Amino acid sequence: MRRRRLQAGSETTDIDLTPMLDVVFIMLIFFIVTTSFVKESGVEIERPESSAASPRPDAQVMVAITAEGAVWVDGQPVDIHRVGSEVAELVSDEGGVVLQADRSSTTGLLVEVMDRIRDAGVDKVAVAATRGSG
């Protein structure tokens, strides 16, 4: 009888890691899904410098104006006459629009794009700049 107890007590028990791995994978999926990714306009823009530049976390749509005068909305080229309707479809009530105008682009084109976006009903419009030393 004593031998049976020793044999039964000497058995090693393994820890089952399957539930822990399931939890780790679920947490990984959760963090991947909830991560906010930085949106880029889709084209290379040389932003002007400003000492008063501040970050805009509510930027939902990026609009870029290249040095050649082309307008891009979230990585897609858009005609200047349709930029307001394109942006209005993409932006929600809480979100905003950030205009990234190249340093070499004309101010007139920037103002025209901004006016078309505001005419489409989007009120939160900001112009992107690189924070400089002033």
N, C-alpha and C. Protein backbone atom coordinates (compact mmCIF):
# COMPACT_ATOMS: atom_id res chain seq x y z
N MET A 1 0.82 -1.19 0.00
CA MET A 1 0.00 0.00 0.00
C MET A 1 0.87 1.25 0.00
N ARG A 2 1.95 1.16 0.71
CA ARG A 2 2.84 2.31 0.76
C ARG A 2 3.49 2.55 -0.60
N ARG A 3 3.78 1.47 -1.31
CA ARG A 3 4.36 1.60 -2.63
C ARG A 3 3.42 2.33 -3.60
N ARG A 4 2.16 2.05 -3.50
CA ARG A 4 1.19 2.70 -4.37
C ARG A 4 1.17 4.21 -4.14
N ARG A 5 1.23 4.63 -2.91
CA ARG A 5 1.23 6.07 -2.61
C ARG A 5 2.47 6.74 -3.17
N LEU A 6 3.61 6.12 -3.04
CA LEU A 6 4.83 6.70 -3.57
C LEU A 6 4.79 6.79 -5.09
N GLN A 7 4.29 5.76 -5.71
CA GLN A 7 4.19 5.78 -7.16
C GLN A 7 3.18 6.82 -7.62
N ALA A 8 2.08 6.94 -6.95
CA ALA A 8 1.06 7.92 -7.33
C ALA A 8 1.56 9.34 -7.09
N GLY A 9 2.33 9.57 -6.06
CA GLY A 9 2.85 10.90 -5.75
C GLY A 9 4.01 11.31 -6.61
N SER A 10 4.69 10.34 -7.20
CA SER A 10 5.86 10.67 -8.00
C SER A 10 5.51 11.07 -9.43
N GLU A 11 4.28 10.98 -9.80
CA GLU A 11 3.87 11.38 -11.15
C GLU A 11 4.04 12.89 -11.30
N THR A 12 4.60 13.31 -12.42
CA THR A 12 4.76 14.74 -12.67
C THR A 12 3.54 15.26 -13.42
N THR A 13 3.13 16.43 -13.05
CA THR A 13 1.99 17.05 -13.73
C THR A 13 2.51 18.18 -14.60
N ASP A 14 2.05 18.23 -15.83
CA ASP A 14 2.45 19.29 -16.75
C ASP A 14 1.43 20.42 -16.71
N ILE A 15 1.94 21.61 -16.90
CA ILE A 15 1.06 22.77 -16.94
C ILE A 15 0.60 22.95 -18.38
N ASP A 16 -0.70 23.06 -18.55
CA ASP A 16 -1.27 23.23 -19.89
C ASP A 16 -1.19 24.72 -20.26
N LEU A 17 -0.41 25.04 -21.29
CA LEU A 17 -0.20 26.43 -21.71
C LEU A 17 -1.19 26.89 -22.78
N THR A 18 -2.05 26.03 -23.24
CA THR A 18 -2.98 26.38 -24.30
C THR A 18 -3.88 27.56 -23.93
N PRO A 19 -4.49 27.60 -22.75
CA PRO A 19 -5.33 28.77 -22.42
C PRO A 19 -4.54 30.07 -22.36
N MET A 20 -3.30 29.99 -21.86
CA MET A 20 -2.49 31.21 -21.79
C MET A 20 -2.15 31.70 -23.20
N LEU A 21 -1.82 30.81 -24.11
CA LEU A 21 -1.54 31.20 -25.49
C LEU A 21 -2.77 31.80 -26.16
N ASP A 22 -3.93 31.24 -25.87
CA ASP A 22 -5.17 31.80 -26.42
C ASP A 22 -5.36 33.24 -25.96
N VAL A 23 -5.12 33.49 -24.68
CA VAL A 23 -5.27 34.84 -24.14
C VAL A 23 -4.26 35.79 -24.77
N VAL A 24 -3.02 35.32 -24.95
CA VAL A 24 -1.99 36.17 -25.55
C VAL A 24 -2.36 36.53 -26.99
N PHE A 25 -2.83 35.56 -27.76
CA PHE A 25 -3.22 35.84 -29.13
C PHE A 25 -4.42 36.78 -29.21
N ILE A 26 -5.36 36.63 -28.32
CA ILE A 26 -6.52 37.53 -28.30
C ILE A 26 -6.08 38.95 -27.95
N MET A 27 -5.16 39.09 -26.99
CA MET A 27 -4.65 40.42 -26.65
C MET A 27 -3.89 41.02 -27.82
N LEU A 28 -3.11 40.22 -28.53
CA LEU A 28 -2.38 40.69 -29.69
C LEU A 28 -3.33 41.20 -30.76
N ILE A 29 -4.37 40.46 -31.04
CA ILE A 29 -5.37 40.90 -32.03
C ILE A 29 -6.04 42.18 -31.57
N PHE A 30 -6.36 42.28 -30.29
CA PHE A 30 -6.99 43.49 -29.75
C PHE A 30 -6.10 44.70 -29.95
N PHE A 31 -4.82 44.59 -29.65
CA PHE A 31 -3.91 45.73 -29.79
C PHE A 31 -3.68 46.09 -31.25
N ILE A 32 -3.64 45.12 -32.12
CA ILE A 32 -3.48 45.42 -33.55
C ILE A 32 -4.70 46.16 -34.08
N VAL A 33 -5.88 45.73 -33.69
CA VAL A 33 -7.11 46.35 -34.19
C VAL A 33 -7.30 47.76 -33.63
N THR A 34 -6.94 47.97 -32.38
CA THR A 34 -7.19 49.28 -31.75
C THR A 34 -6.08 50.29 -31.96
N THR A 35 -4.99 49.89 -32.56
CA THR A 35 -3.89 50.82 -32.80
C THR A 35 -4.29 51.84 -33.83
N SER A 36 -4.00 53.09 -33.55
CA SER A 36 -4.30 54.13 -34.54
C SER A 36 -3.06 54.31 -35.41
N PHE A 37 -3.26 54.21 -36.69
CA PHE A 37 -2.17 54.34 -37.62
C PHE A 37 -2.11 55.77 -38.13
N VAL A 38 -0.91 56.24 -38.38
CA VAL A 38 -0.72 57.58 -38.91
C VAL A 38 -1.10 57.57 -40.38
N LYS A 39 -2.01 58.45 -40.74
CA LYS A 39 -2.41 58.54 -42.14
C LYS A 39 -1.49 59.48 -42.87
N GLU A 40 -1.12 59.08 -44.04
CA GLU A 40 -0.31 59.92 -44.89
C GLU A 40 -1.11 60.26 -46.13
N SER A 41 -0.70 61.31 -46.80
CA SER A 41 -1.45 61.79 -47.95
C SER A 41 -1.19 60.98 -49.21
N GLY A 42 -0.12 60.23 -49.28
CA GLY A 42 0.16 59.40 -50.44
C GLY A 42 1.18 59.98 -51.39
N VAL A 43 1.56 61.22 -51.20
CA VAL A 43 2.59 61.85 -52.03
C VAL A 43 3.60 62.52 -51.13
N GLU A 44 4.77 62.75 -51.66
CA GLU A 44 5.85 63.39 -50.91
C GLU A 44 5.64 64.91 -50.92
N ILE A 45 5.50 65.50 -49.74
CA ILE A 45 5.23 66.93 -49.60
C ILE A 45 6.33 67.55 -48.75
N GLU A 46 6.85 68.68 -49.20
CA GLU A 46 7.80 69.45 -48.40
C GLU A 46 7.01 70.55 -47.71
N ARG A 47 6.72 70.34 -46.43
CA ARG A 47 5.88 71.28 -45.68
C ARG A 47 6.65 72.54 -45.32
N PRO A 48 5.94 73.66 -45.24
CA PRO A 48 6.59 74.87 -44.76
C PRO A 48 6.82 74.78 -43.24
N GLU A 49 7.75 75.58 -42.72
CA GLU A 49 8.04 75.56 -41.30
C GLU A 49 7.24 76.63 -40.58
N SER A 50 6.89 76.33 -39.33
CA SER A 50 6.17 77.28 -38.49
C SER A 50 6.58 77.05 -37.04
N SER A 51 6.82 78.12 -36.31
CA SER A 51 7.17 77.98 -34.89
C SER A 51 5.93 77.71 -34.04
N ALA A 52 4.74 77.95 -34.59
CA ALA A 52 3.50 77.76 -33.84
C ALA A 52 2.77 76.49 -34.24
N ALA A 53 3.42 75.58 -34.96
CA ALA A 53 2.76 74.34 -35.41
C ALA A 53 2.45 73.46 -34.20
N SER A 54 1.25 72.87 -34.20
CA SER A 54 0.84 71.98 -33.11
C SER A 54 0.20 70.73 -33.71
N PRO A 55 0.30 69.59 -33.02
CA PRO A 55 -0.27 68.35 -33.56
C PRO A 55 -1.79 68.37 -33.55
N ARG A 56 -2.41 67.69 -34.52
CA ARG A 56 -3.86 67.58 -34.64
C ARG A 56 -4.26 66.12 -34.57
N PRO A 57 -4.61 65.60 -33.41
CA PRO A 57 -4.94 64.18 -33.31
C PRO A 57 -6.28 63.81 -33.94
N ASP A 58 -7.15 64.80 -34.20
CA ASP A 58 -8.47 64.50 -34.75
C ASP A 58 -8.49 64.48 -36.27
N ALA A 59 -7.32 64.51 -36.90
CA ALA A 59 -7.25 64.50 -38.36
C ALA A 59 -7.74 63.17 -38.88
N GLN A 60 -8.80 63.22 -39.67
CA GLN A 60 -9.38 62.00 -40.20
C GLN A 60 -9.05 61.83 -41.68
N VAL A 61 -8.94 62.93 -42.41
CA VAL A 61 -8.66 62.89 -43.84
C VAL A 61 -7.48 63.80 -44.14
N MET A 62 -6.56 63.29 -44.95
CA MET A 62 -5.39 64.07 -45.35
C MET A 62 -5.56 64.48 -46.82
N VAL A 63 -5.40 65.76 -47.09
CA VAL A 63 -5.45 66.28 -48.44
C VAL A 63 -4.10 66.90 -48.74
N ALA A 64 -3.49 66.50 -49.85
CA ALA A 64 -2.16 66.99 -50.21
C ALA A 64 -2.23 67.79 -51.50
N ILE A 65 -1.46 68.86 -51.54
CA ILE A 65 -1.31 69.67 -52.75
C ILE A 65 0.17 69.64 -53.11
N THR A 66 0.47 69.10 -54.30
CA THR A 66 1.86 68.97 -54.71
C THR A 66 2.37 70.27 -55.30
N ALA A 67 3.67 70.33 -55.54
CA ALA A 67 4.29 71.52 -56.12
C ALA A 67 3.78 71.77 -57.53
N GLU A 68 3.36 70.70 -58.23
CA GLU A 68 2.85 70.84 -59.59
C GLU A 68 1.39 71.24 -59.64
N GLY A 69 0.71 71.28 -58.50
CA GLY A 69 -0.69 71.69 -58.45
C GLY A 69 -1.68 70.54 -58.43
N ALA A 70 -1.21 69.32 -58.26
CA ALA A 70 -2.11 68.17 -58.19
C ALA A 70 -2.66 68.05 -56.77
N VAL A 71 -3.92 67.62 -56.67
CA VAL A 71 -4.58 67.47 -55.37
C VAL A 71 -4.80 65.98 -55.12
N TRP A 72 -4.41 65.52 -53.94
CA TRP A 72 -4.55 64.13 -53.55
C TRP A 72 -5.37 64.05 -52.26
N VAL A 73 -6.32 63.11 -52.22
CA VAL A 73 -7.14 62.88 -51.03
C VAL A 73 -6.91 61.44 -50.58
N ASP A 74 -6.33 61.28 -49.41
CA ASP A 74 -6.02 59.96 -48.84
C ASP A 74 -5.32 59.04 -49.84
N GLY A 75 -4.32 59.56 -50.52
CA GLY A 75 -3.51 58.74 -51.41
C GLY A 75 -4.03 58.58 -52.82
N GLN A 76 -5.15 59.21 -53.15
CA GLN A 76 -5.73 59.10 -54.48
C GLN A 76 -5.79 60.47 -55.13
N PRO A 77 -5.37 60.60 -56.41
CA PRO A 77 -5.49 61.90 -57.08
C PRO A 77 -6.95 62.25 -57.33
N VAL A 78 -7.28 63.52 -57.10
CA VAL A 78 -8.66 63.98 -57.22
C VAL A 78 -8.66 65.28 -58.02
N ASP A 79 -9.68 65.46 -58.83
CA ASP A 79 -9.86 66.70 -59.58
C ASP A 79 -10.20 67.82 -58.60
N ILE A 80 -9.70 69.01 -58.87
CA ILE A 80 -9.91 70.15 -57.97
C ILE A 80 -11.39 70.46 -57.78
N HIS A 81 -12.21 70.19 -58.79
CA HIS A 81 -13.64 70.49 -58.70
C HIS A 81 -14.40 69.47 -57.86
N ARG A 82 -13.82 68.30 -57.63
CA ARG A 82 -14.49 67.25 -56.86
C ARG A 82 -13.91 67.06 -55.47
N VAL A 83 -12.93 67.85 -55.10
CA VAL A 83 -12.25 67.65 -53.82
C VAL A 83 -13.20 67.83 -52.64
N GLY A 84 -14.13 68.77 -52.71
CA GLY A 84 -15.05 69.00 -51.60
C GLY A 84 -15.97 67.82 -51.36
N SER A 85 -16.55 67.28 -52.42
CA SER A 85 -17.45 66.14 -52.26
C SER A 85 -16.70 64.88 -51.83
N GLU A 86 -15.48 64.68 -52.33
CA GLU A 86 -14.68 63.52 -51.93
C GLU A 86 -14.36 63.57 -50.44
N VAL A 87 -13.96 64.73 -49.97
CA VAL A 87 -13.60 64.87 -48.55
C VAL A 87 -14.85 64.75 -47.68
N ALA A 88 -15.96 65.32 -48.11
CA ALA A 88 -17.19 65.26 -47.31
C ALA A 88 -17.67 63.82 -47.14
N GLU A 89 -17.43 62.96 -48.14
CA GLU A 89 -17.81 61.55 -48.02
C GLU A 89 -16.94 60.81 -47.01
N LEU A 90 -15.69 61.21 -46.86
CA LEU A 90 -14.75 60.49 -46.01
C LEU A 90 -14.74 60.95 -44.55
N VAL A 91 -15.09 62.18 -44.30
CA VAL A 91 -14.96 62.72 -42.95
C VAL A 91 -16.27 62.57 -42.17
N SER A 92 -16.15 62.29 -40.88
CA SER A 92 -17.33 62.21 -40.02
C SER A 92 -17.53 63.55 -39.31
N ASP A 93 -18.54 63.61 -38.46
CA ASP A 93 -18.84 64.86 -37.75
C ASP A 93 -17.74 65.26 -36.78
N GLU A 94 -17.08 64.28 -36.15
CA GLU A 94 -16.05 64.58 -35.16
C GLU A 94 -14.68 64.78 -35.79
N GLY A 95 -14.47 64.27 -36.98
CA GLY A 95 -13.16 64.30 -37.60
C GLY A 95 -12.86 65.61 -38.28
N GLY A 96 -11.60 65.78 -38.62
CA GLY A 96 -11.17 66.99 -39.29
C GLY A 96 -10.33 66.66 -40.51
N VAL A 97 -9.98 67.69 -41.25
CA VAL A 97 -9.20 67.56 -42.46
C VAL A 97 -7.90 68.33 -42.27
N VAL A 98 -6.79 67.72 -42.70
CA VAL A 98 -5.51 68.40 -42.67
C VAL A 98 -5.03 68.57 -44.10
N LEU A 99 -4.75 69.80 -44.47
CA LEU A 99 -4.23 70.13 -45.79
C LEU A 99 -2.71 70.16 -45.72
N GLN A 100 -2.08 69.40 -46.58
CA GLN A 100 -0.62 69.40 -46.66
C GLN A 100 -0.24 70.01 -48.00
N ALA A 101 0.11 71.26 -47.97
CA ALA A 101 0.50 71.95 -49.20
C ALA A 101 2.01 72.00 -49.29
N ASP A 102 2.53 71.67 -50.46
CA ASP A 102 3.97 71.74 -50.67
C ASP A 102 4.43 73.19 -50.58
N ARG A 103 5.65 73.37 -50.12
CA ARG A 103 6.22 74.70 -49.97
C ARG A 103 6.20 75.47 -51.29
N SER A 104 6.33 74.75 -52.42
CA SER A 104 6.38 75.39 -53.73
C SER A 104 5.01 75.56 -54.38
N SER A 105 3.95 75.05 -53.78
CA SER A 105 2.62 75.20 -54.37
C SER A 105 2.12 76.63 -54.18
N THR A 106 1.12 77.00 -54.97
CA THR A 106 0.62 78.37 -54.91
C THR A 106 -0.39 78.53 -53.77
N THR A 107 -0.40 79.70 -53.21
CA THR A 107 -1.33 79.99 -52.13
C THR A 107 -2.76 80.02 -52.65
N GLY A 108 -2.93 80.45 -53.88
CA GLY A 108 -4.27 80.50 -54.46
C GLY A 108 -4.91 79.12 -54.54
N LEU A 109 -4.13 78.12 -54.92
CA LEU A 109 -4.65 76.76 -54.98
C LEU A 109 -5.00 76.24 -53.59
N LEU A 110 -4.18 76.55 -52.60
CA LEU A 110 -4.46 76.15 -51.22
C LEU A 110 -5.77 76.76 -50.74
N VAL A 111 -5.98 78.04 -51.01
CA VAL A 111 -7.20 78.72 -50.57
C VAL A 111 -8.41 78.14 -51.31
N GLU A 112 -8.26 77.84 -52.61
CA GLU A 112 -9.37 77.29 -53.38
C GLU A 112 -9.77 75.91 -52.85
N VAL A 113 -8.79 75.06 -52.55
CA VAL A 113 -9.09 73.74 -52.00
C VAL A 113 -9.76 73.88 -50.64
N MET A 114 -9.26 74.77 -49.81
CA MET A 114 -9.84 74.99 -48.49
C MET A 114 -11.28 75.48 -48.60
N ASP A 115 -11.55 76.39 -49.53
CA ASP A 115 -12.91 76.89 -49.73
C ASP A 115 -13.85 75.79 -50.21
N ARG A 116 -13.39 74.95 -51.13
CA ARG A 116 -14.23 73.85 -51.64
C ARG A 116 -14.55 72.85 -50.53
N ILE A 117 -13.60 72.59 -49.65
CA ILE A 117 -13.85 71.67 -48.54
C ILE A 117 -14.84 72.28 -47.55
N ARG A 118 -14.69 73.54 -47.26
CA ARG A 118 -15.63 74.20 -46.33
C ARG A 118 -17.01 74.34 -46.94
N ASP A 119 -17.09 74.58 -48.26
CA ASP A 119 -18.39 74.65 -48.92
C ASP A 119 -19.12 73.31 -48.89
N ALA A 120 -18.37 72.22 -48.80
CA ALA A 120 -18.96 70.88 -48.74
C ALA A 120 -19.47 70.55 -47.34
N GLY A 121 -19.27 71.45 -46.38
CA GLY A 121 -19.80 71.25 -45.04
C GLY A 121 -18.81 70.79 -44.00
N VAL A 122 -17.53 70.78 -44.33
CA VAL A 122 -16.50 70.37 -43.37
C VAL A 122 -15.92 71.62 -42.72
N ASP A 123 -16.07 71.73 -41.40
CA ASP A 123 -15.64 72.94 -40.71
C ASP A 123 -14.22 72.85 -40.15
N LYS A 124 -13.79 71.67 -39.75
CA LYS A 124 -12.47 71.51 -39.14
C LYS A 124 -11.42 71.30 -40.22
N VAL A 125 -10.78 72.36 -40.65
CA VAL A 125 -9.75 72.29 -41.68
C VAL A 125 -8.48 72.95 -41.12
N ALA A 126 -7.38 72.23 -41.19
CA ALA A 126 -6.10 72.75 -40.72
C ALA A 126 -5.06 72.61 -41.82
N VAL A 127 -4.04 73.47 -41.77
CA VAL A 127 -2.95 73.42 -42.73
C VAL A 127 -1.73 72.85 -42.01
N ALA A 128 -1.11 71.82 -42.60
CA ALA A 128 0.03 71.16 -41.97
C ALA A 128 1.30 71.98 -42.19
N ALA A 129 2.14 71.97 -41.18
CA ALA A 129 3.44 72.63 -41.24
C ALA A 129 4.43 71.84 -40.40
N THR A 130 5.70 72.00 -40.68
CA THR A 130 6.73 71.37 -39.88
C THR A 130 7.14 72.35 -38.79
N ARG A 131 7.24 71.87 -37.58
CA ARG A 131 7.61 72.73 -36.46
C ARG A 131 9.07 73.14 -36.61
N GLY A 132 9.28 74.45 -36.74
CA GLY A 132 10.63 74.98 -36.90
C GLY A 132 11.08 75.72 -35.67
N SER A 133 12.30 76.20 -35.71
CA SER A 133 12.85 76.89 -34.54
C SER A 133 12.34 78.32 -34.45
N GLY A 134 11.76 78.81 -35.53
CA GLY A 134 11.11 80.10 -35.48
C GLY A 134 12.01 81.19 -35.87
